[in-house]
């Protein structure tokens, strides 16, 4: 009697490959704007206006931009959310350690910053 493990594993692998190759629907550009292919450049330029010593910033990107609504039910705020971590120097010249931040990008510009506490 043969073990059913091999056929089951083969079936699971085929399903995994098929689901990875299946195309997802692109986000509605009318709602979210065009996909920001240059999201790192956009976020980095925005960070230059937010950090005390932007030249010292070390950025770790947490994945690709994802369509998101950061508004409320009454006032939606659509765009592409980009998450990242930043380690930069503060006013005293010391590195702050990696801190989580994010930006919502729409039509090539940052429309909302996250993790700065005042934006």
PDB file of N, CA and C in Angstrom:
ATOM      1  N   UNK A   1       0.841  -1.175   0.000  1.00  0.00           N
ATOM      2  CA  UNK A   1       0.000   0.000   0.000  1.00  0.00           C
ATOM      3  C   UNK A   1       0.894   1.249   0.000  1.00  0.00           C
ATOM      4  N   UNK A   2       0.650   2.127  -0.938  1.00  0.00           N
ATOM      5  CA  UNK A   2       1.450   3.344  -1.055  1.00  0.00           C
ATOM      6  C   UNK A   2       0.892   4.436  -0.147  1.00  0.00           C
ATOM      7  N   UNK A   3       1.800   5.267   0.307  1.00  0.00           N
ATOM      8  CA  UNK A   3       1.416   6.360   1.190  1.00  0.00           C
ATOM      9  C   UNK A   3       0.785   7.494   0.384  1.00  0.00           C
ATOM     10  N   UNK A   4      -0.303   8.094   0.881  1.00  0.00           N
ATOM     11  CA  UNK A   4      -0.947   9.205   0.166  1.00  0.00           C
ATOM     12  C   UNK A   4      -0.239  10.544   0.394  1.00  0.00           C
ATOM     13  N   UNK A   5       0.876  10.526   1.102  1.00  0.00           N
ATOM     14  CA  UNK A   5       1.562  11.774   1.426  1.00  0.00           C
ATOM     15  C   UNK A   5       2.112  12.456   0.179  1.00  0.00           C
ATOM     16  N   UNK A   6       2.733  11.697  -0.717  1.00  0.00           N
ATOM     17  CA  UNK A   6       3.328  12.283  -1.913  1.00  0.00           C
ATOM     18  C   UNK A   6       2.287  12.962  -2.806  1.00  0.00           C
ATOM     19  N   UNK A   7       1.169  12.311  -3.116  1.00  0.00           N
ATOM     20  CA  UNK A   7       0.170  13.006  -3.950  1.00  0.00           C
ATOM     21  C   UNK A   7      -0.409  14.252  -3.264  1.00  0.00           C
ATOM     22  N   UNK A   8      -0.592  14.197  -1.964  1.00  0.00           N
ATOM     23  CA  UNK A   8      -1.143  15.344  -1.245  1.00  0.00           C
ATOM     24  C   UNK A   8      -0.145  16.504  -1.267  1.00  0.00           C
ATOM     25  N   UNK A   9       1.127  16.205  -1.035  1.00  0.00           N
ATOM     26  CA  UNK A   9       2.159  17.251  -1.077  1.00  0.00           C
ATOM     27  C   UNK A   9       2.265  17.861  -2.465  1.00  0.00           C
ATOM     28  N   UNK A  10       2.200  17.028  -3.491  1.00  0.00           N
ATOM     29  CA  UNK A  10       2.258  17.519  -4.864  1.00  0.00           C
ATOM     30  C   UNK A  10       1.080  18.436  -5.154  1.00  0.00           C
ATOM     31  N   UNK A  11      -0.098  18.059  -4.709  1.00  0.00           N
ATOM     32  CA  UNK A  11      -1.289  18.873  -4.914  1.00  0.00           C
ATOM     33  C   UNK A  11      -1.161  20.214  -4.192  1.00  0.00           C
ATOM     34  N   UNK A  12      -0.652  20.195  -2.969  1.00  0.00           N
ATOM     35  CA  UNK A  12      -0.468  21.439  -2.215  1.00  0.00           C
ATOM     36  C   UNK A  12       0.532  22.360  -2.891  1.00  0.00           C
ATOM     37  N   UNK A  13       1.609  21.792  -3.412  1.00  0.00           N
ATOM     38  CA  UNK A  13       2.612  22.609  -4.097  1.00  0.00           C
ATOM     39  C   UNK A  13       2.037  23.229  -5.363  1.00  0.00           C
ATOM     40  N   UNK A  14       1.265  22.466  -6.114  1.00  0.00           N
ATOM     41  CA  UNK A  14       0.642  22.995  -7.334  1.00  0.00           C
ATOM     42  C   UNK A  14      -0.317  24.133  -7.005  1.00  0.00           C
ATOM     43  N   UNK A  15      -1.086  23.972  -5.931  1.00  0.00           N
ATOM     44  CA  UNK A  15      -2.012  25.033  -5.530  1.00  0.00           C
ATOM     45  C   UNK A  15      -1.253  26.291  -5.126  1.00  0.00           C
ATOM     46  N   UNK A  16      -0.140  26.124  -4.423  1.00  0.00           N
ATOM     47  CA  UNK A  16       0.655  27.275  -3.991  1.00  0.00           C
ATOM     48  C   UNK A  16       1.234  28.010  -5.188  1.00  0.00           C
ATOM     49  N   UNK A  17       1.777  27.273  -6.148  1.00  0.00           N
ATOM     50  CA  UNK A  17       2.352  27.890  -7.342  1.00  0.00           C
ATOM     51  C   UNK A  17       1.267  28.597  -8.141  1.00  0.00           C
ATOM     52  N   UNK A  18       0.102  27.980  -8.263  1.00  0.00           N
ATOM     53  CA  UNK A  18      -0.995  28.588  -9.002  1.00  0.00           C
ATOM     54  C   UNK A  18      -1.454  29.879  -8.337  1.00  0.00           C
ATOM     55  N   UNK A  19      -1.559  29.883  -7.003  1.00  0.00           N
ATOM     56  CA  UNK A  19      -2.030  31.092  -6.324  1.00  0.00           C
ATOM     57  C   UNK A  19      -1.002  32.211  -6.412  1.00  0.00           C
ATOM     58  N   UNK A  20       0.280  31.868  -6.421  1.00  0.00           N
ATOM     59  CA  UNK A  20       1.306  32.892  -6.566  1.00  0.00           C
ATOM     60  C   UNK A  20       1.328  33.479  -7.970  1.00  0.00           C
ATOM     61  N   UNK A  21       1.014  32.661  -8.946  1.00  0.00           N
ATOM     62  CA  UNK A  21       1.057  33.147 -10.322  1.00  0.00           C
ATOM     63  C   UNK A  21      -0.230  33.846 -10.730  1.00  0.00           C
ATOM     64  N   UNK A  22      -1.305  33.680  -9.951  1.00  0.00           N
ATOM     65  CA  UNK A  22      -2.561  34.336 -10.291  1.00  0.00           C
ATOM     66  C   UNK A  22      -2.385  35.839 -10.144  1.00  0.00           C
ATOM     67  N   UNK A  23      -2.874  36.570 -11.124  1.00  0.00           N
ATOM     68  CA  UNK A  23      -2.715  38.017 -11.091  1.00  0.00           C
ATOM     69  C   UNK A  23      -3.793  38.630 -10.208  1.00  0.00           C
ATOM     70  N   UNK A  24      -3.383  39.611  -9.419  1.00  0.00           N
ATOM     71  CA  UNK A  24      -4.346  40.336  -8.612  1.00  0.00           C
ATOM     72  C   UNK A  24      -4.834  41.540  -9.403  1.00  0.00           C
ATOM     73  N   UNK A  25      -6.026  41.976  -9.089  1.00  0.00           N
ATOM     74  CA  UNK A  25      -6.571  43.131  -9.787  1.00  0.00           C
ATOM     75  C   UNK A  25      -5.820  44.386  -9.356  1.00  0.00           C
ATOM     76  N   UNK A  26      -5.424  45.233 -10.299  1.00  0.00           N
ATOM     77  CA  UNK A  26      -4.751  46.472  -9.926  1.00  0.00           C
ATOM     78  C   UNK A  26      -5.725  47.398  -9.193  1.00  0.00           C
ATOM     79  N   UNK A  27      -5.181  48.266  -8.365  1.00  0.00           N
ATOM     80  CA  UNK A  27      -6.010  49.207  -7.616  1.00  0.00           C
ATOM     81  C   UNK A  27      -6.664  50.199  -8.573  1.00  0.00           C
ATOM     82  N   UNK A  28      -7.809  50.680  -8.186  1.00  0.00           N
ATOM     83  CA  UNK A  28      -8.564  51.658  -8.970  1.00  0.00           C
ATOM     84  C   UNK A  28      -7.798  52.982  -8.997  1.00  0.00           C
ATOM     85  N   UNK A  29      -7.238  53.338 -10.156  1.00  0.00           N
ATOM     86  CA  UNK A  29      -6.430  54.556 -10.251  1.00  0.00           C
ATOM     87  C   UNK A  29      -7.269  55.813 -10.043  1.00  0.00           C
ATOM     88  N   UNK A  30      -8.553  55.740 -10.311  1.00  0.00           N
ATOM     89  CA  UNK A  30      -9.437  56.882 -10.062  1.00  0.00           C
ATOM     90  C   UNK A  30      -9.488  57.192  -8.568  1.00  0.00           C
ATOM     91  N   UNK A  31      -9.451  56.155  -7.759  1.00  0.00           N
ATOM     92  CA  UNK A  31      -9.553  56.302  -6.312  1.00  0.00           C
ATOM     93  C   UNK A  31      -8.187  56.513  -5.649  1.00  0.00           C
ATOM     94  N   UNK A  32      -7.211  55.681  -6.002  1.00  0.00           N
ATOM     95  CA  UNK A  32      -5.913  55.679  -5.323  1.00  0.00           C
ATOM     96  C   UNK A  32      -4.829  56.480  -6.045  1.00  0.00           C
ATOM     97  N   UNK A  33      -5.070  56.836  -7.278  1.00  0.00           N
ATOM     98  CA  UNK A  33      -4.041  57.492  -8.077  1.00  0.00           C
ATOM     99  C   UNK A  33      -3.171  56.445  -8.740  1.00  0.00           C
ATOM    100  N   UNK A  34      -2.217  56.874  -9.562  1.00  0.00           N
ATOM    101  CA  UNK A  34      -1.332  55.908 -10.227  1.00  0.00           C
ATOM    102  C   UNK A  34      -0.362  55.282  -9.223  1.00  0.00           C
ATOM    103  N   UNK A  35       0.045  54.051  -9.499  1.00  0.00           N
ATOM    104  CA  UNK A  35       0.994  53.349  -8.640  1.00  0.00           C
ATOM    105  C   UNK A  35       2.319  54.113  -8.604  1.00  0.00           C
ATOM    106  N   UNK A  36       2.844  54.415  -7.407  1.00  0.00           N
ATOM    107  CA  UNK A  36       4.089  55.187  -7.312  1.00  0.00           C
ATOM    108  C   UNK A  36       5.328  54.309  -7.459  1.00  0.00           C
ATOM    109  N   UNK A  37       5.738  54.076  -8.684  1.00  0.00           N
ATOM    110  CA  UNK A  37       6.907  53.225  -8.932  1.00  0.00           C
ATOM    111  C   UNK A  37       8.160  53.806  -8.289  1.00  0.00           C
ATOM    112  N   UNK A  38       8.243  55.114  -8.164  1.00  0.00           N
ATOM    113  CA  UNK A  38       9.410  55.775  -7.557  1.00  0.00           C
ATOM    114  C   UNK A  38       9.121  56.162  -6.105  1.00  0.00           C
ATOM    115  N   UNK A  39       8.420  55.281  -5.377  1.00  0.00           N
ATOM    116  CA  UNK A  39       7.988  55.578  -4.013  1.00  0.00           C
ATOM    117  C   UNK A  39       9.153  55.856  -3.066  1.00  0.00           C
ATOM    118  N   UNK A  40      10.292  55.212  -3.272  1.00  0.00           N
ATOM    119  CA  UNK A  40      11.439  55.458  -2.389  1.00  0.00           C
ATOM    120  C   UNK A  40      11.938  56.893  -2.540  1.00  0.00           C
ATOM    121  N   UNK A  41      11.998  57.366  -3.763  1.00  0.00           N
ATOM    122  CA  UNK A  41      12.430  58.737  -4.020  1.00  0.00           C
ATOM    123  C   UNK A  41      11.445  59.744  -3.425  1.00  0.00           C
ATOM    124  N   UNK A  42      10.157  59.491  -3.603  1.00  0.00           N
ATOM    125  CA  UNK A  42       9.128  60.392  -3.076  1.00  0.00           C
ATOM    126  C   UNK A  42       9.208  60.459  -1.556  1.00  0.00           C
ATOM    127  N   UNK A  43       9.293  59.298  -0.909  1.00  0.00           N
ATOM    128  CA  UNK A  43       9.346  59.253   0.554  1.00  0.00           C
ATOM    129  C   UNK A  43      10.634  59.866   1.086  1.00  0.00           C
ATOM    130  N   UNK A  44      11.750  59.631   0.406  1.00  0.00           N
ATOM    131  CA  UNK A  44      13.030  60.177   0.850  1.00  0.00           C
ATOM    132  C   UNK A  44      13.032  61.700   0.766  1.00  0.00           C
ATOM    133  N   UNK A  45      12.497  62.255  -0.309  1.00  0.00           N
ATOM    134  CA  UNK A  45      12.415  63.720  -0.429  1.00  0.00           C
ATOM    135  C   UNK A  45      11.527  64.306   0.660  1.00  0.00           C
ATOM    136  N   UNK A  46      10.446  63.617   0.975  1.00  0.00           N
ATOM    137  CA  UNK A  46       9.560  64.082   2.030  1.00  0.00           C
ATOM    138  C   UNK A  46      10.262  64.014   3.387  1.00  0.00           C
ATOM    139  N   UNK A  47      11.019  62.935   3.619  1.00  0.00           N
ATOM    140  CA  UNK A  47      11.766  62.794   4.880  1.00  0.00           C
ATOM    141  C   UNK A  47      12.763  63.938   5.077  1.00  0.00           C
ATOM    142  N   UNK A  48      13.325  64.432   3.990  1.00  0.00           N
ATOM    143  CA  UNK A  48      14.278  65.546   4.077  1.00  0.00           C
ATOM    144  C   UNK A  48      13.642  66.782   4.712  1.00  0.00           C
ATOM    145  N   UNK A  49      12.333  66.920   4.561  1.00  0.00           N
ATOM    146  CA  UNK A  49      11.639  68.068   5.150  1.00  0.00           C
ATOM    147  C   UNK A  49      11.189  67.791   6.583  1.00  0.00           C
ATOM    148  N   UNK A  50      11.266  66.541   7.027  1.00  0.00           N
ATOM    149  CA  UNK A  50      10.756  66.159   8.332  1.00  0.00           C
ATOM    150  C   UNK A  50      11.836  65.915   9.379  1.00  0.00           C
ATOM    151  N   UNK A  51      13.005  65.473   8.949  1.00  0.00           N
ATOM    152  CA  UNK A  51      14.062  65.090   9.888  1.00  0.00           C
ATOM    153  C   UNK A  51      15.019  66.236  10.153  1.00  0.00           C
ATOM    154  N   UNK A  52      15.580  66.259  11.332  1.00  0.00           N
ATOM    155  CA  UNK A  52      16.554  67.300  11.703  1.00  0.00           C
ATOM    156  C   UNK A  52      17.849  67.115  10.922  1.00  0.00           C
ATOM    157  N   UNK A  53      18.295  65.863  10.816  1.00  0.00           N
ATOM    158  CA  UNK A  53      19.531  65.555  10.092  1.00  0.00           C
ATOM    159  C   UNK A  53      19.211  64.475   9.058  1.00  0.00           C
ATOM    160  N   UNK A  54      18.572  64.878   7.977  1.00  0.00           N
ATOM    161  CA  UNK A  54      18.116  63.905   6.976  1.00  0.00           C
ATOM    162  C   UNK A  54      19.272  63.197   6.276  1.00  0.00           C
ATOM    163  N   UNK A  55      20.433  63.825   6.230  1.00  0.00           N
ATOM    164  CA  UNK A  55      21.580  63.189   5.571  1.00  0.00           C
ATOM    165  C   UNK A  55      22.072  61.970   6.345  1.00  0.00           C
ATOM    166  N   UNK A  56      21.788  61.921   7.641  1.00  0.00           N
ATOM    167  CA  UNK A  56      22.230  60.785   8.455  1.00  0.00           C
ATOM    168  C   UNK A  56      21.233  59.632   8.426  1.00  0.00           C
ATOM    169  N   UNK A  57      20.074  59.834   7.813  1.00  0.00           N
ATOM    170  CA  UNK A  57      18.992  58.845   7.862  1.00  0.00           C
ATOM    171  C   UNK A  57      19.365  57.534   7.175  1.00  0.00           C
ATOM    172  N   UNK A  58      19.073  56.465   7.883  1.00  0.00           N
ATOM    173  CA  UNK A  58      19.209  55.116   7.334  1.00  0.00           C
ATOM    174  C   UNK A  58      17.800  54.537   7.285  1.00  0.00           C
ATOM    175  N   UNK A  59      17.335  54.228   6.083  1.00  0.00           N
ATOM    176  CA  UNK A  59      15.958  53.799   5.878  1.00  0.00           C
ATOM    177  C   UNK A  59      15.916  52.318   5.524  1.00  0.00           C
ATOM    178  N   UNK A  60      15.007  51.598   6.168  1.00  0.00           N
ATOM    179  CA  UNK A  60      14.724  50.201   5.833  1.00  0.00           C
ATOM    180  C   UNK A  60      13.287  50.144   5.335  1.00  0.00           C
ATOM    181  N   UNK A  61      13.105  49.733   4.091  1.00  0.00           N
ATOM    182  CA  UNK A  61      11.783  49.690   3.471  1.00  0.00           C
ATOM    183  C   UNK A  61      11.073  48.406   3.868  1.00  0.00           C
ATOM    184  N   UNK A  62       9.793  48.520   4.224  1.00  0.00           N
ATOM    185  CA  UNK A  62       8.981  47.371   4.629  1.00  0.00           C
ATOM    186  C   UNK A  62       7.986  47.000   3.530  1.00  0.00           C
ATOM    187  N   UNK A  63       8.488  46.580   2.405  1.00  0.00           N
ATOM    188  CA  UNK A  63       7.618  46.109   1.333  1.00  0.00           C
ATOM    189  C   UNK A  63       7.236  47.183   0.333  1.00  0.00           C
ATOM    190  N   UNK A  64       6.429  46.770  -0.595  1.00  0.00           N
ATOM    191  CA  UNK A  64       5.965  47.619  -1.697  1.00  0.00           C
ATOM    192  C   UNK A  64       4.763  48.451  -1.252  1.00  0.00           C
ATOM    193  N   UNK A  65       4.462  49.529  -1.964  1.00  0.00           N
ATOM    194  CA  UNK A  65       3.268  50.331  -1.651  1.00  0.00           C
ATOM    195  C   UNK A  65       1.994  49.504  -1.820  1.00  0.00           C
ATOM    196  N   UNK A  66       1.052  49.747  -0.918  1.00  0.00           N
ATOM    197  CA  UNK A  66      -0.224  49.029  -0.955  1.00  0.00           C
ATOM    198  C   UNK A  66      -1.369  50.044  -0.950  1.00  0.00           C
ATOM    199  N   UNK A  67      -2.408  49.805  -1.739  1.00  0.00           N
ATOM    200  CA  UNK A  67      -3.554  50.719  -1.730  1.00  0.00           C
ATOM    201  C   UNK A  67      -4.153  50.773  -0.329  1.00  0.00           C
ATOM    202  N   UNK A  68      -4.490  51.972   0.137  1.00  0.00           N
ATOM    203  CA  UNK A  68      -5.022  52.118   1.492  1.00  0.00           C
ATOM    204  C   UNK A  68      -5.932  53.332   1.587  1.00  0.00           C
ATOM    205  N   UNK A  69      -6.824  53.281   2.561  1.00  0.00           N
ATOM    206  CA  UNK A  69      -7.681  54.406   2.908  1.00  0.00           C
ATOM    207  C   UNK A  69      -7.356  54.768   4.352  1.00  0.00           C
ATOM    208  N   UNK A  70      -6.715  55.909   4.577  1.00  0.00           N
ATOM    209  CA  UNK A  70      -6.350  56.330   5.923  1.00  0.00           C
ATOM    210  C   UNK A  70      -7.282  57.412   6.459  1.00  0.00           C
ATOM    211  N   UNK A  71      -8.389  57.606   5.783  1.00  0.00           N
ATOM    212  CA  UNK A  71      -9.364  58.591   6.239  1.00  0.00           C
ATOM    213  C   UNK A  71     -10.449  57.932   7.068  1.00  0.00           C
ATOM    214  N   UNK A  72     -11.551  58.613   7.171  1.00  0.00           N
ATOM    215  CA  UNK A  72     -12.704  58.103   7.902  1.00  0.00           C
ATOM    216  C   UNK A  72     -13.776  57.687   6.906  1.00  0.00           C
ATOM    217  N   UNK A  73     -14.852  57.160   7.429  1.00  0.00           N
ATOM    218  CA  UNK A  73     -15.951  56.765   6.551  1.00  0.00           C
ATOM    219  C   UNK A  73     -16.532  57.981   5.838  1.00  0.00           C
ATOM    220  N   UNK A  74     -16.602  59.101   6.555  1.00  0.00           N
ATOM    221  CA  UNK A  74     -17.159  60.325   5.986  1.00  0.00           C
ATOM    222  C   UNK A  74     -16.187  61.057   5.079  1.00  0.00           C
ATOM    223  N   UNK A  75     -14.885  60.976   5.416  1.00  0.00           N
ATOM    224  CA  UNK A  75     -13.858  61.670   4.634  1.00  0.00           C
ATOM    225  C   UNK A  75     -12.739  60.690   4.305  1.00  0.00           C
ATOM    226  N   UNK A  76     -12.916  59.882   3.263  1.00  0.00           N
ATOM    227  CA  UNK A  76     -11.854  58.927   2.904  1.00  0.00           C
ATOM    228  C   UNK A  76     -10.602  59.639   2.402  1.00  0.00           C
ATOM    229  N   UNK A  77      -9.461  59.002   2.629  1.00  0.00           N
ATOM    230  CA  UNK A  77      -8.175  59.528   2.173  1.00  0.00           C
ATOM    231  C   UNK A  77      -7.433  58.374   1.509  1.00  0.00           C
ATOM    232  N   UNK A  78      -7.581  58.268   0.200  1.00  0.00           N
ATOM    233  CA  UNK A  78      -7.033  57.147  -0.559  1.00  0.00           C
ATOM    234  C   UNK A  78      -5.641  57.462  -1.103  1.00  0.00           C
ATOM    235  N   UNK A  79      -4.846  56.426  -1.183  1.00  0.00           N
ATOM    236  CA  UNK A  79      -3.521  56.530  -1.759  1.00  0.00           C
ATOM    237  C   UNK A  79      -2.788  55.211  -1.585  1.00  0.00           C
ATOM    238  N   UNK A  80      -1.480  55.249  -1.752  1.00  0.00           N
ATOM    239  CA  UNK A  80      -0.645  54.057  -1.582  1.00  0.00           C
ATOM    240  C   UNK A  80       0.181  54.223  -0.316  1.00  0.00           C
ATOM    241  N   UNK A  81       0.034  53.271   0.598  1.00  0.00           N
ATOM    242  CA  UNK A  81       0.744  53.313   1.866  1.00  0.00           C
ATOM    243  C   UNK A  81       2.108  52.645   1.726  1.00  0.00           C
ATOM    244  N   UNK A  82       3.140  53.367   2.144  1.00  0.00           N
ATOM    245  CA  UNK A  82       4.510  52.860   2.135  1.00  0.00           C
ATOM    246  C   UNK A  82       4.998  52.874   3.579  1.00  0.00           C
ATOM    247  N   UNK A  83       5.359  51.703   4.095  1.00  0.00           N
ATOM    248  CA  UNK A  83       5.881  51.597   5.455  1.00  0.00           C
ATOM    249  C   UNK A  83       7.394  51.439   5.423  1.00  0.00           C
ATOM    250  N   UNK A  84       8.066  52.050   6.402  1.00  0.00           N
ATOM    251  CA  UNK A  84       9.519  51.966   6.476  1.00  0.00           C
ATOM    252  C   UNK A  84       9.959  52.253   7.901  1.00  0.00           C
ATOM    253  N   UNK A  85      11.212  51.980   8.176  1.00  0.00           N
ATOM    254  CA  UNK A  85      11.820  52.288   9.471  1.00  0.00           C
ATOM    255  C   UNK A  85      12.989  53.224   9.214  1.00  0.00           C
ATOM    256  N   UNK A  86      13.167  54.184  10.116  1.00  0.00           N
ATOM    257  CA  UNK A  86      14.221  55.183   9.959  1.00  0.00           C
ATOM    258  C   UNK A  86      15.067  55.235  11.226  1.00  0.00           C
ATOM    259  N   UNK A  87      16.364  55.310  11.025  1.00  0.00           N
ATOM    260  CA  UNK A  87      17.306  55.579  12.102  1.00  0.00           C
ATOM    261  C   UNK A  87      18.081  56.823  11.676  1.00  0.00           C
ATOM    262  N   UNK A  88      17.873  57.921  12.387  1.00  0.00           N
ATOM    263  CA  UNK A  88      18.526  59.179  12.033  1.00  0.00           C
ATOM    264  C   UNK A  88      19.002  59.877  13.300  1.00  0.00           C
ATOM    265  N   UNK A  89      19.863  60.839  13.112  1.00  0.00           N
ATOM    266  CA  UNK A  89      20.381  61.593  14.250  1.00  0.00           C
ATOM    267  C   UNK A  89      19.366  62.632  14.719  1.00  0.00           C
ATOM    268  N   UNK A  90      19.333  62.846  16.025  1.00  0.00           N
ATOM    269  CA  UNK A  90      18.481  63.881  16.606  1.00  0.00           C
ATOM    270  C   UNK A  90      19.273  65.177  16.777  1.00  0.00           C
ATOM    271  N   UNK A  91      18.714  66.143  17.481  1.00  0.00           N
ATOM    272  CA  UNK A  91      19.385  67.437  17.662  1.00  0.00           C
ATOM    273  C   UNK A  91      20.705  67.338  18.409  1.00  0.00           C
ATOM    274  N   UNK A  92      20.856  66.277  19.190  1.00  0.00           N
ATOM    275  CA  UNK A  92      22.067  66.107  19.983  1.00  0.00           C
ATOM    276  C   UNK A  92      23.133  65.303  19.251  1.00  0.00           C
ATOM    277  N   UNK A  93      22.836  64.884  18.022  1.00  0.00           N
ATOM    278  CA  UNK A  93      23.797  64.143  17.223  1.00  0.00           C
ATOM    279  C   UNK A  93      23.782  62.646  17.468  1.00  0.00           C
ATOM    280  N   UNK A  94      22.854  62.173  18.300  1.00  0.00           N
ATOM    281  CA  UNK A  94      22.758  60.739  18.590  1.00  0.00           C
ATOM    282  C   UNK A  94      21.724  60.088  17.671  1.00  0.00           C
ATOM    283  N   UNK A  95      22.008  58.855  17.269  1.00  0.00           N
ATOM    284  CA  UNK A  95      21.021  58.111  16.485  1.00  0.00           C
ATOM    285  C   UNK A  95      19.855  57.713  17.386  1.00  0.00           C
ATOM    286  N   UNK A  96      18.662  57.787  16.859  1.00  0.00           N
ATOM    287  CA  UNK A  96      17.451  57.532  17.630  1.00  0.00           C
ATOM    288  C   UNK A  96      17.090  56.058  17.705  1.00  0.00           C
ATOM    289  N   UNK A  97      17.681  55.239  16.843  1.00  0.00           N
ATOM    290  CA  UNK A  97      17.273  53.838  16.737  1.00  0.00           C
ATOM    291  C   UNK A  97      16.175  53.730  15.693  1.00  0.00           C
ATOM    292  N   UNK A  98      15.962  52.523  15.194  1.00  0.00           N
ATOM    293  CA  UNK A  98      14.946  52.337  14.154  1.00  0.00           C
ATOM    294  C   UNK A  98      13.554  52.656  14.690  1.00  0.00           C
ATOM    295  N   UNK A  99      12.867  53.527  13.997  1.00  0.00           N
ATOM    296  CA  UNK A  99      11.504  53.895  14.353  1.00  0.00           C
ATOM    297  C   UNK A  99      10.609  53.700  13.146  1.00  0.00           C
ATOM    298  N   UNK A 100       9.428  53.132  13.379  1.00  0.00           N
ATOM    299  CA  UNK A 100       8.489  52.845  12.293  1.00  0.00           C
ATOM    300  C   UNK A 100       7.753  54.102  11.862  1.00  0.00           C
ATOM    301  N   UNK A 101       7.680  54.286  10.561  1.00  0.00           N
ATOM    302  CA  UNK A 101       6.972  55.415   9.966  1.00  0.00           C
ATOM    303  C   UNK A 101       6.291  54.939   8.693  1.00  0.00           C
ATOM    304  N   UNK A 102       5.510  55.810   8.114  1.00  0.00           N
ATOM    305  CA  UNK A 102       4.865  55.502   6.850  1.00  0.00           C
ATOM    306  C   UNK A 102       4.406  56.774   6.181  1.00  0.00           C
ATOM    307  N   UNK A 103       4.144  56.666   4.901  1.00  0.00           N
ATOM    308  CA  UNK A 103       3.594  57.789   4.145  1.00  0.00           C
ATOM    309  C   UNK A 103       2.499  57.265   3.227  1.00  0.00           C
ATOM    310  N   UNK A 104       1.511  58.110   3.016  1.00  0.00           N
ATOM    311  CA  UNK A 104       0.463  57.814   2.050  1.00  0.00           C
ATOM    312  C   UNK A 104       0.734  58.680   0.830  1.00  0.00           C
ATOM    313  N   UNK A 105       0.947  58.032  -0.301  1.00  0.00           N
ATOM    314  CA  UNK A 105       1.304  58.730  -1.536  1.00  0.00           C
ATOM    315  C   UNK A 105       0.128  58.685  -2.508  1.00  0.00           C
ATOM    316  N   UNK A 106      -0.171  59.822  -3.079  1.00  0.00           N
ATOM    317  CA  UNK A 106      -1.192  59.897  -4.132  1.00  0.00           C
ATOM    318  C   UNK A 106      -0.713  60.894  -5.172  1.00  0.00           C
ATOM    319  N   UNK A 107      -0.779  60.481  -6.426  1.00  0.00           N
ATOM    320  CA  UNK A 107      -0.369  61.327  -7.552  1.00  0.00           C
ATOM    321  C   UNK A 107       1.049  61.869  -7.392  1.00  0.00           C
ATOM    322  N   UNK A 108       1.944  61.020  -6.908  1.00  0.00           N
ATOM    323  CA  UNK A 108       3.351  61.372  -6.843  1.00  0.00           C
ATOM    324  C   UNK A 108       3.766  62.246  -5.677  1.00  0.00           C
ATOM    325  N   UNK A 109       2.881  62.466  -4.706  1.00  0.00           N
ATOM    326  CA  UNK A 109       3.266  63.278  -3.556  1.00  0.00           C
ATOM    327  C   UNK A 109       2.709  62.686  -2.271  1.00  0.00           C
ATOM    328  N   UNK A 110       3.391  62.982  -1.171  1.00  0.00           N
ATOM    329  CA  UNK A 110       2.965  62.507   0.140  1.00  0.00           C
ATOM    330  C   UNK A 110       1.791  63.357   0.596  1.00  0.00           C
ATOM    331  N   UNK A 111       0.677  62.697   0.916  1.00  0.00           N
ATOM    332  CA  UNK A 111      -0.499  63.428   1.388  1.00  0.00           C
ATOM    333  C   UNK A 111      -0.733  63.214   2.889  1.00  0.00           C
ATOM    334  N   UNK A 112      -0.015  62.253   3.478  1.00  0.00           N
ATOM    335  CA  UNK A 112      -0.132  62.021   4.919  1.00  0.00           C
ATOM    336  C   UNK A 112       1.099  61.260   5.399  1.00  0.00           C
ATOM    337  N   UNK A 113       1.643  61.676   6.520  1.00  0.00           N
ATOM    338  CA  UNK A 113       2.752  60.990   7.158  1.00  0.00           C
ATOM    339  C   UNK A 113       2.275  60.277   8.402  1.00  0.00           C
ATOM    340  N   UNK A 114       2.894  59.160   8.717  1.00  0.00           N
ATOM    341  CA  UNK A 114       2.532  58.373   9.898  1.00  0.00           C
ATOM    342  C   UNK A 114       3.737  58.174  10.786  1.00  0.00           C
ATOM    343  N   UNK A 115       3.515  58.181  12.086  1.00  0.00           N
ATOM    344  CA  UNK A 115       4.576  57.875  13.023  1.00  0.00           C
ATOM    345  C   UNK A 115       5.379  59.059  13.492  1.00  0.00           C
ATOM    346  N   UNK A 116       4.993  60.272  13.078  1.00  0.00           N
ATOM    347  CA  UNK A 116       5.718  61.452  13.509  1.00  0.00           C
ATOM    348  C   UNK A 116       4.982  62.191  14.621  1.00  0.00           C
ATOM    349  N   UNK A 117       3.727  61.828  14.863  1.00  0.00           N
ATOM    350  CA  UNK A 117       2.984  62.370  15.978  1.00  0.00           C
ATOM    351  C   UNK A 117       2.423  63.769  15.787  1.00  0.00           C
ATOM    352  N   UNK A 118       2.717  64.419  14.707  1.00  0.00           N
ATOM    353  CA  UNK A 118       2.222  65.789  14.518  1.00  0.00           C
ATOM    354  C   UNK A 118       1.694  66.028  13.122  1.00  0.00           C
ATOM    355  N   UNK A 119       1.757  65.067  12.274  1.00  0.00           N
ATOM    356  CA  UNK A 119       1.370  65.293  10.878  1.00  0.00           C
ATOM    357  C   UNK A 119      -0.056  64.903  10.636  1.00  0.00           C
TER     358      UNK A 119
END
